[in-house]
Amino acid sequence: MQLTSFSDYAIRVLMYVAMKEPGLSSITEVADAHKIARPHVVKIEHELGRGGYLETQRGRSGGIRLAVPATEINLGALIRFTEKNLALVDCMGGSGTCVVVSACGLQTILRKALDAFFEELGKHTLADILGPAHKLRQLMALPDPL
């Protein structure tokens, strides 16, 4: 299983914004720091705003910031929000293309594995992946807080 680039980029956007707090972040800053195309960051910012993860401040000195503290952003819930298709094989998505689905145990095993995956992610928050802060700030070209 591999997460989509959308999920990967969403996590990176949230990490950058969290590391810049309490200041606002700009879409251009995030795109430059992670070498992600600006249109992708715009789409991600919009979706994360819709999901209640980011809030925007419009205007000349506007930007984006976390809508809730990093300690309240559950990684399991975030991935469930950003991943639109969690069907690991076609039969889990209800496509009906598999002729052995009614007698095959793979779907049950994969569903249990996916549940275990999300159970583990559910134990962690965005704050858990923000360390060591000094190193992250350095890699994102962010100054250390005063």
N, C-alpha and C. Protein backbone atom coordinates (compact mmCIF):
# COMPACT_ATOMS: atom_id res chain seq x y z
N MET A 1 0.85 -1.17 0.00
CA MET A 1 0.00 0.00 0.00
C MET A 1 0.89 1.24 0.00
N GLN A 2 0.49 2.22 -0.75
CA GLN A 2 1.20 3.48 -0.76
C GLN A 2 0.18 4.60 -0.69
N LEU A 3 0.44 5.56 0.18
CA LEU A 3 -0.44 6.72 0.26
C LEU A 3 -0.29 7.55 -1.00
N THR A 4 -1.33 8.25 -1.35
CA THR A 4 -1.27 9.12 -2.52
C THR A 4 -0.37 10.30 -2.23
N SER A 5 0.11 10.94 -3.28
CA SER A 5 0.93 12.13 -3.10
C SER A 5 0.10 13.23 -2.42
N PHE A 6 -1.21 13.22 -2.63
CA PHE A 6 -2.06 14.21 -1.97
C PHE A 6 -1.94 14.09 -0.45
N SER A 7 -2.00 12.88 0.08
CA SER A 7 -1.87 12.67 1.52
C SER A 7 -0.47 13.06 1.99
N ASP A 8 0.53 12.64 1.26
CA ASP A 8 1.91 12.98 1.59
C ASP A 8 2.09 14.50 1.66
N TYR A 9 1.63 15.18 0.64
CA TYR A 9 1.76 16.65 0.59
C TYR A 9 0.93 17.32 1.68
N ALA A 10 -0.25 16.78 1.97
CA ALA A 10 -1.10 17.35 3.03
C ALA A 10 -0.38 17.30 4.37
N ILE A 11 0.28 16.19 4.65
CA ILE A 11 1.03 16.07 5.90
C ILE A 11 2.17 17.10 5.92
N ARG A 12 2.86 17.24 4.80
CA ARG A 12 3.96 18.21 4.73
C ARG A 12 3.47 19.64 4.92
N VAL A 13 2.32 19.97 4.32
CA VAL A 13 1.75 21.31 4.49
C VAL A 13 1.46 21.56 5.96
N LEU A 14 0.81 20.59 6.60
CA LEU A 14 0.47 20.76 8.02
C LEU A 14 1.72 20.86 8.88
N MET A 15 2.74 20.10 8.56
CA MET A 15 3.99 20.16 9.33
C MET A 15 4.60 21.56 9.21
N TYR A 16 4.66 22.09 8.01
CA TYR A 16 5.26 23.42 7.81
C TYR A 16 4.48 24.47 8.59
N VAL A 17 3.18 24.44 8.43
CA VAL A 17 2.33 25.43 9.10
C VAL A 17 2.48 25.32 10.61
N ALA A 18 2.53 24.10 11.13
CA ALA A 18 2.69 23.90 12.57
C ALA A 18 4.03 24.43 13.05
N MET A 19 5.08 24.20 12.27
CA MET A 19 6.41 24.65 12.67
C MET A 19 6.54 26.17 12.62
N LYS A 20 5.73 26.82 11.82
CA LYS A 20 5.80 28.28 11.68
C LYS A 20 4.95 29.01 12.73
N GLU A 21 4.08 28.29 13.39
CA GLU A 21 3.20 28.94 14.37
C GLU A 21 4.00 29.60 15.48
N PRO A 22 3.52 30.72 16.00
CA PRO A 22 2.18 31.26 15.84
C PRO A 22 2.01 32.13 14.58
N GLY A 23 3.04 32.27 13.79
CA GLY A 23 2.94 33.08 12.58
C GLY A 23 2.12 32.40 11.50
N LEU A 24 1.74 33.19 10.53
CA LEU A 24 1.02 32.68 9.37
C LEU A 24 2.01 32.16 8.33
N SER A 25 1.58 31.20 7.55
CA SER A 25 2.39 30.67 6.46
C SER A 25 1.72 31.05 5.14
N SER A 26 2.54 31.25 4.13
CA SER A 26 1.97 31.50 2.80
C SER A 26 2.07 30.23 1.97
N ILE A 27 1.21 30.14 1.01
CA ILE A 27 1.23 28.99 0.11
C ILE A 27 2.57 28.91 -0.62
N THR A 28 3.08 30.04 -1.02
CA THR A 28 4.37 30.07 -1.72
C THR A 28 5.49 29.56 -0.83
N GLU A 29 5.50 29.95 0.44
CA GLU A 29 6.51 29.46 1.38
C GLU A 29 6.47 27.95 1.50
N VAL A 30 5.27 27.41 1.65
CA VAL A 30 5.10 25.96 1.80
C VAL A 30 5.57 25.26 0.53
N ALA A 31 5.14 25.77 -0.62
CA ALA A 31 5.51 25.16 -1.90
C ALA A 31 7.03 25.17 -2.08
N ASP A 32 7.65 26.29 -1.76
CA ASP A 32 9.11 26.40 -1.91
C ASP A 32 9.84 25.48 -0.93
N ALA A 33 9.39 25.44 0.31
CA ALA A 33 10.07 24.64 1.33
C ALA A 33 10.06 23.15 1.00
N HIS A 34 8.97 22.69 0.41
CA HIS A 34 8.83 21.26 0.12
C HIS A 34 9.00 20.92 -1.35
N LYS A 35 9.28 21.94 -2.15
CA LYS A 35 9.45 21.74 -3.59
C LYS A 35 8.22 21.05 -4.20
N ILE A 36 7.07 21.59 -3.85
CA ILE A 36 5.79 21.12 -4.37
C ILE A 36 5.23 22.24 -5.24
N ALA A 37 4.66 21.88 -6.37
CA ALA A 37 4.08 22.89 -7.26
C ALA A 37 3.00 23.68 -6.52
N ARG A 38 3.04 24.99 -6.68
CA ARG A 38 2.11 25.89 -5.99
C ARG A 38 0.64 25.49 -6.20
N PRO A 39 0.22 25.12 -7.44
CA PRO A 39 -1.18 24.71 -7.62
C PRO A 39 -1.58 23.51 -6.76
N HIS A 40 -0.65 22.59 -6.52
CA HIS A 40 -0.94 21.45 -5.64
C HIS A 40 -1.18 21.94 -4.22
N VAL A 41 -0.35 22.87 -3.77
CA VAL A 41 -0.49 23.39 -2.40
C VAL A 41 -1.82 24.14 -2.26
N VAL A 42 -2.21 24.88 -3.29
CA VAL A 42 -3.49 25.60 -3.25
C VAL A 42 -4.64 24.60 -3.09
N LYS A 43 -4.61 23.53 -3.88
CA LYS A 43 -5.66 22.51 -3.79
C LYS A 43 -5.68 21.85 -2.42
N ILE A 44 -4.50 21.53 -1.90
CA ILE A 44 -4.39 20.89 -0.59
C ILE A 44 -4.88 21.84 0.50
N GLU A 45 -4.45 23.09 0.43
CA GLU A 45 -4.88 24.09 1.42
C GLU A 45 -6.40 24.20 1.43
N HIS A 46 -7.01 24.23 0.26
CA HIS A 46 -8.47 24.33 0.16
C HIS A 46 -9.13 23.12 0.82
N GLU A 47 -8.64 21.93 0.50
CA GLU A 47 -9.22 20.70 1.04
C GLU A 47 -9.01 20.61 2.55
N LEU A 48 -7.82 20.96 3.03
CA LEU A 48 -7.57 20.93 4.47
C LEU A 48 -8.40 21.98 5.21
N GLY A 49 -8.66 23.09 4.56
CA GLY A 49 -9.55 24.09 5.14
C GLY A 49 -10.97 23.57 5.24
N ARG A 50 -11.42 22.92 4.17
CA ARG A 50 -12.75 22.33 4.15
C ARG A 50 -12.90 21.27 5.24
N GLY A 51 -11.81 20.57 5.53
CA GLY A 51 -11.83 19.52 6.54
C GLY A 51 -11.62 20.01 7.96
N GLY A 52 -11.41 21.31 8.13
CA GLY A 52 -11.24 21.85 9.47
C GLY A 52 -9.83 21.76 10.02
N TYR A 53 -8.85 21.48 9.15
CA TYR A 53 -7.46 21.37 9.59
C TYR A 53 -6.72 22.70 9.48
N LEU A 54 -7.09 23.51 8.50
CA LEU A 54 -6.45 24.81 8.29
C LEU A 54 -7.49 25.91 8.27
N GLU A 55 -7.05 27.09 8.65
CA GLU A 55 -7.89 28.26 8.47
C GLU A 55 -7.06 29.30 7.73
N THR A 56 -7.75 30.13 6.99
CA THR A 56 -7.06 31.14 6.19
C THR A 56 -7.40 32.53 6.68
N GLN A 57 -6.45 33.39 6.50
CA GLN A 57 -6.66 34.80 6.80
C GLN A 57 -6.40 35.54 5.49
N ARG A 58 -7.40 36.17 4.98
CA ARG A 58 -7.29 36.87 3.70
C ARG A 58 -6.63 38.22 3.87
N GLY A 59 -6.24 38.77 2.74
CA GLY A 59 -5.69 40.12 2.76
C GLY A 59 -4.20 40.14 2.52
N ARG A 60 -3.70 41.33 2.50
CA ARG A 60 -2.29 41.58 2.17
C ARG A 60 -1.33 40.85 3.11
N SER A 61 -1.63 40.84 4.38
CA SER A 61 -0.76 40.15 5.33
C SER A 61 -1.39 38.84 5.79
N GLY A 62 -2.16 38.22 4.90
CA GLY A 62 -2.85 36.98 5.23
C GLY A 62 -1.96 35.76 5.11
N GLY A 63 -2.58 34.63 5.24
CA GLY A 63 -1.87 33.36 5.15
C GLY A 63 -2.71 32.24 5.72
N ILE A 64 -2.05 31.14 6.02
CA ILE A 64 -2.74 29.98 6.57
C ILE A 64 -2.13 29.59 7.91
N ARG A 65 -2.95 28.97 8.75
CA ARG A 65 -2.51 28.47 10.05
C ARG A 65 -3.37 27.27 10.41
N LEU A 66 -2.90 26.52 11.39
CA LEU A 66 -3.68 25.38 11.86
C LEU A 66 -5.00 25.87 12.45
N ALA A 67 -6.07 25.16 12.16
CA ALA A 67 -7.37 25.50 12.73
C ALA A 67 -7.52 24.92 14.13
N VAL A 68 -6.75 23.89 14.43
CA VAL A 68 -6.73 23.26 15.75
C VAL A 68 -5.27 22.99 16.10
N PRO A 69 -4.95 22.84 17.37
CA PRO A 69 -3.56 22.55 17.74
C PRO A 69 -3.06 21.24 17.12
N ALA A 70 -1.77 21.18 16.87
CA ALA A 70 -1.15 19.97 16.29
C ALA A 70 -1.42 18.74 17.15
N THR A 71 -1.58 18.93 18.45
CA THR A 71 -1.85 17.80 19.35
C THR A 71 -3.26 17.23 19.14
N GLU A 72 -4.10 17.95 18.42
CA GLU A 72 -5.47 17.49 18.17
C GLU A 72 -5.69 16.99 16.75
N ILE A 73 -4.64 16.99 15.93
CA ILE A 73 -4.77 16.50 14.56
C ILE A 73 -4.33 15.04 14.54
N ASN A 74 -5.30 14.16 14.56
CA ASN A 74 -5.06 12.73 14.59
C ASN A 74 -4.64 12.25 13.20
N LEU A 75 -3.52 11.53 13.13
CA LEU A 75 -3.01 11.10 11.84
C LEU A 75 -3.94 10.09 11.15
N GLY A 76 -4.57 9.24 11.91
CA GLY A 76 -5.51 8.29 11.31
C GLY A 76 -6.68 9.00 10.66
N ALA A 77 -7.26 9.96 11.37
CA ALA A 77 -8.38 10.71 10.82
C ALA A 77 -7.94 11.54 9.61
N LEU A 78 -6.75 12.09 9.69
CA LEU A 78 -6.23 12.89 8.57
C LEU A 78 -6.08 12.03 7.32
N ILE A 79 -5.50 10.86 7.45
CA ILE A 79 -5.30 9.99 6.28
C ILE A 79 -6.64 9.49 5.75
N ARG A 80 -7.56 9.18 6.63
CA ARG A 80 -8.90 8.79 6.17
C ARG A 80 -9.55 9.94 5.39
N PHE A 81 -9.29 11.17 5.80
CA PHE A 81 -9.85 12.34 5.12
C PHE A 81 -9.19 12.55 3.75
N THR A 82 -7.88 12.38 3.67
CA THR A 82 -7.17 12.70 2.43
C THR A 82 -7.16 11.56 1.41
N GLU A 83 -7.30 10.33 1.87
CA GLU A 83 -7.32 9.19 0.95
C GLU A 83 -8.76 8.91 0.52
N LYS A 84 -9.02 9.09 -0.74
CA LYS A 84 -10.39 8.92 -1.23
C LYS A 84 -10.73 7.46 -1.51
N ASN A 85 -9.73 6.61 -1.74
CA ASN A 85 -9.99 5.21 -2.05
C ASN A 85 -9.10 4.33 -1.17
N LEU A 86 -9.72 3.68 -0.22
CA LEU A 86 -8.98 2.81 0.70
C LEU A 86 -9.13 1.33 0.33
N ALA A 87 -9.68 1.05 -0.83
CA ALA A 87 -9.82 -0.33 -1.29
C ALA A 87 -8.46 -0.82 -1.76
N LEU A 88 -7.88 -1.77 -1.02
CA LEU A 88 -6.56 -2.29 -1.37
C LEU A 88 -6.60 -3.19 -2.60
N VAL A 89 -7.73 -3.83 -2.83
CA VAL A 89 -7.95 -4.64 -4.03
C VAL A 89 -9.35 -4.32 -4.55
N ASP A 90 -9.61 -4.65 -5.80
CA ASP A 90 -10.89 -4.28 -6.43
C ASP A 90 -12.11 -4.75 -5.66
N CYS A 91 -12.04 -5.96 -5.11
CA CYS A 91 -13.23 -6.50 -4.43
C CYS A 91 -13.60 -5.70 -3.18
N MET A 92 -12.65 -5.00 -2.60
CA MET A 92 -12.95 -4.18 -1.42
C MET A 92 -13.70 -2.92 -1.80
N GLY A 93 -13.61 -2.56 -3.05
CA GLY A 93 -14.31 -1.37 -3.53
C GLY A 93 -15.67 -1.67 -4.12
N GLY A 94 -16.04 -2.93 -4.12
CA GLY A 94 -17.36 -3.31 -4.62
C GLY A 94 -17.48 -3.30 -6.13
N SER A 95 -16.34 -3.44 -6.84
CA SER A 95 -16.40 -3.37 -8.29
C SER A 95 -17.07 -4.60 -8.91
N GLY A 96 -17.03 -5.74 -8.22
CA GLY A 96 -17.68 -6.93 -8.73
C GLY A 96 -16.96 -7.60 -9.88
N THR A 97 -15.70 -7.29 -10.09
CA THR A 97 -14.97 -7.89 -11.21
C THR A 97 -14.29 -9.21 -10.85
N CYS A 98 -14.22 -9.55 -9.59
CA CYS A 98 -13.53 -10.77 -9.17
C CYS A 98 -14.53 -11.92 -9.11
N VAL A 99 -14.21 -13.02 -9.79
CA VAL A 99 -15.13 -14.15 -9.84
C VAL A 99 -15.07 -15.04 -8.59
N VAL A 100 -14.02 -14.90 -7.79
CA VAL A 100 -13.88 -15.77 -6.61
C VAL A 100 -14.19 -15.04 -5.30
N VAL A 101 -14.68 -13.83 -5.38
CA VAL A 101 -14.87 -12.99 -4.19
C VAL A 101 -15.73 -13.68 -3.12
N SER A 102 -16.72 -14.44 -3.52
CA SER A 102 -17.63 -15.05 -2.54
C SER A 102 -16.97 -16.19 -1.75
N ALA A 103 -15.86 -16.73 -2.25
CA ALA A 103 -15.20 -17.84 -1.56
C ALA A 103 -13.78 -17.49 -1.12
N CYS A 104 -13.32 -16.30 -1.41
CA CYS A 104 -11.93 -15.90 -1.13
C CYS A 104 -11.84 -15.19 0.23
N GLY A 105 -10.80 -15.50 0.97
CA GLY A 105 -10.61 -14.88 2.27
C GLY A 105 -9.71 -13.65 2.25
N LEU A 106 -9.19 -13.29 1.09
CA LEU A 106 -8.26 -12.17 1.01
C LEU A 106 -8.87 -10.86 1.48
N GLN A 107 -10.09 -10.61 1.07
CA GLN A 107 -10.74 -9.33 1.44
C GLN A 107 -10.81 -9.17 2.96
N THR A 108 -11.15 -10.23 3.67
CA THR A 108 -11.25 -10.19 5.14
C THR A 108 -9.88 -9.91 5.76
N ILE A 109 -8.86 -10.57 5.27
CA ILE A 109 -7.50 -10.38 5.80
C ILE A 109 -7.02 -8.96 5.54
N LEU A 110 -7.23 -8.47 4.32
CA LEU A 110 -6.80 -7.11 3.99
C LEU A 110 -7.56 -6.05 4.79
N ARG A 111 -8.83 -6.30 5.04
CA ARG A 111 -9.62 -5.35 5.84
C ARG A 111 -9.07 -5.30 7.28
N LYS A 112 -8.70 -6.45 7.83
CA LYS A 112 -8.10 -6.48 9.16
C LYS A 112 -6.76 -5.76 9.17
N ALA A 113 -5.96 -5.96 8.12
CA ALA A 113 -4.66 -5.28 8.02
C ALA A 113 -4.86 -3.77 7.92
N LEU A 114 -5.83 -3.34 7.14
CA LEU A 114 -6.11 -1.91 7.01
C LEU A 114 -6.60 -1.33 8.34
N ASP A 115 -7.43 -2.08 9.04
CA ASP A 115 -7.90 -1.65 10.36
C ASP A 115 -6.72 -1.48 11.33
N ALA A 116 -5.77 -2.42 11.29
CA ALA A 116 -4.59 -2.34 12.16
C ALA A 116 -3.73 -1.13 11.79
N PHE A 117 -3.61 -0.86 10.51
CA PHE A 117 -2.88 0.30 10.02
C PHE A 117 -3.47 1.58 10.60
N PHE A 118 -4.79 1.72 10.50
CA PHE A 118 -5.45 2.92 11.01
C PHE A 118 -5.50 2.95 12.54
N GLU A 119 -5.53 1.80 13.17
CA GLU A 119 -5.47 1.77 14.63
C GLU A 119 -4.15 2.38 15.11
N GLU A 120 -3.05 2.00 14.45
CA GLU A 120 -1.74 2.54 14.82
C GLU A 120 -1.66 4.04 14.51
N LEU A 121 -2.09 4.45 13.33
CA LEU A 121 -2.09 5.88 13.00
C LEU A 121 -2.94 6.67 13.98
N GLY A 122 -4.04 6.07 14.42
CA GLY A 122 -4.95 6.75 15.34
C GLY A 122 -4.34 7.04 16.70
N LYS A 123 -3.22 6.41 17.01
CA LYS A 123 -2.54 6.64 18.29
C LYS A 123 -1.63 7.86 18.24
N HIS A 124 -1.51 8.48 17.08
CA HIS A 124 -0.54 9.56 16.90
C HIS A 124 -1.18 10.82 16.35
N THR A 125 -0.54 11.94 16.67
CA THR A 125 -1.02 13.23 16.19
C THR A 125 0.07 13.91 15.36
N LEU A 126 -0.30 15.00 14.75
CA LEU A 126 0.66 15.81 14.00
C LEU A 126 1.83 16.21 14.90
N ALA A 127 1.55 16.52 16.14
CA ALA A 127 2.60 16.93 17.08
C ALA A 127 3.66 15.83 17.25
N ASP A 128 3.26 14.59 17.13
CA ASP A 128 4.18 13.47 17.31
C ASP A 128 5.24 13.39 16.21
N ILE A 129 4.97 13.97 15.06
CA ILE A 129 5.92 13.88 13.95
C ILE A 129 6.70 15.17 13.73
N LEU A 130 6.61 16.08 14.68
CA LEU A 130 7.27 17.38 14.54
C LEU A 130 8.61 17.48 15.25
N GLY A 131 9.24 16.37 15.49
CA GLY A 131 10.52 16.45 16.18
C GLY A 131 11.61 15.72 15.43
N PRO A 132 12.83 16.07 15.62
CA PRO A 132 13.29 17.20 16.43
C PRO A 132 13.02 18.53 15.72
N ALA A 133 12.41 19.44 16.45
CA ALA A 133 11.96 20.71 15.89
C ALA A 133 13.08 21.51 15.25
N HIS A 134 14.23 21.56 15.90
CA HIS A 134 15.34 22.34 15.36
C HIS A 134 15.74 21.83 13.98
N LYS A 135 15.84 20.53 13.84
CA LYS A 135 16.24 19.92 12.56
C LYS A 135 15.17 20.17 11.49
N LEU A 136 13.91 20.02 11.85
CA LEU A 136 12.83 20.29 10.88
C LEU A 136 12.86 21.73 10.41
N ARG A 137 13.02 22.66 11.35
CA ARG A 137 13.07 24.07 10.97
C ARG A 137 14.23 24.32 10.00
N GLN A 138 15.34 23.72 10.28
CA GLN A 138 16.52 23.87 9.42
C GLN A 138 16.23 23.33 8.02
N LEU A 139 15.65 22.15 7.93
CA LEU A 139 15.35 21.54 6.64
C LEU A 139 14.29 22.32 5.85
N MET A 140 13.40 23.00 6.57
CA MET A 140 12.36 23.79 5.92
C MET A 140 12.76 25.25 5.76
N ALA A 141 14.00 25.56 6.12
CA ALA A 141 14.52 26.94 6.04
C ALA A 141 13.69 27.91 6.87
N LEU A 142 13.26 27.46 8.03
CA LEU A 142 12.51 28.30 8.97
C LEU A 142 13.46 28.74 10.09
N PRO A 143 13.36 29.98 10.53
CA PRO A 143 14.21 30.40 11.64
C PRO A 143 13.75 29.76 12.96
N ASP A 144 14.68 29.58 13.88
CA ASP A 144 14.31 29.11 15.21
C ASP A 144 13.51 30.20 15.91
N PRO A 145 12.52 29.82 16.73
CA PRO A 145 11.74 30.84 17.44
C PRO A 145 12.63 31.57 18.44
N LEU A 146 12.22 32.78 18.73
CA LEU A 146 12.97 33.59 19.70
C LEU A 146 12.78 33.13 21.11
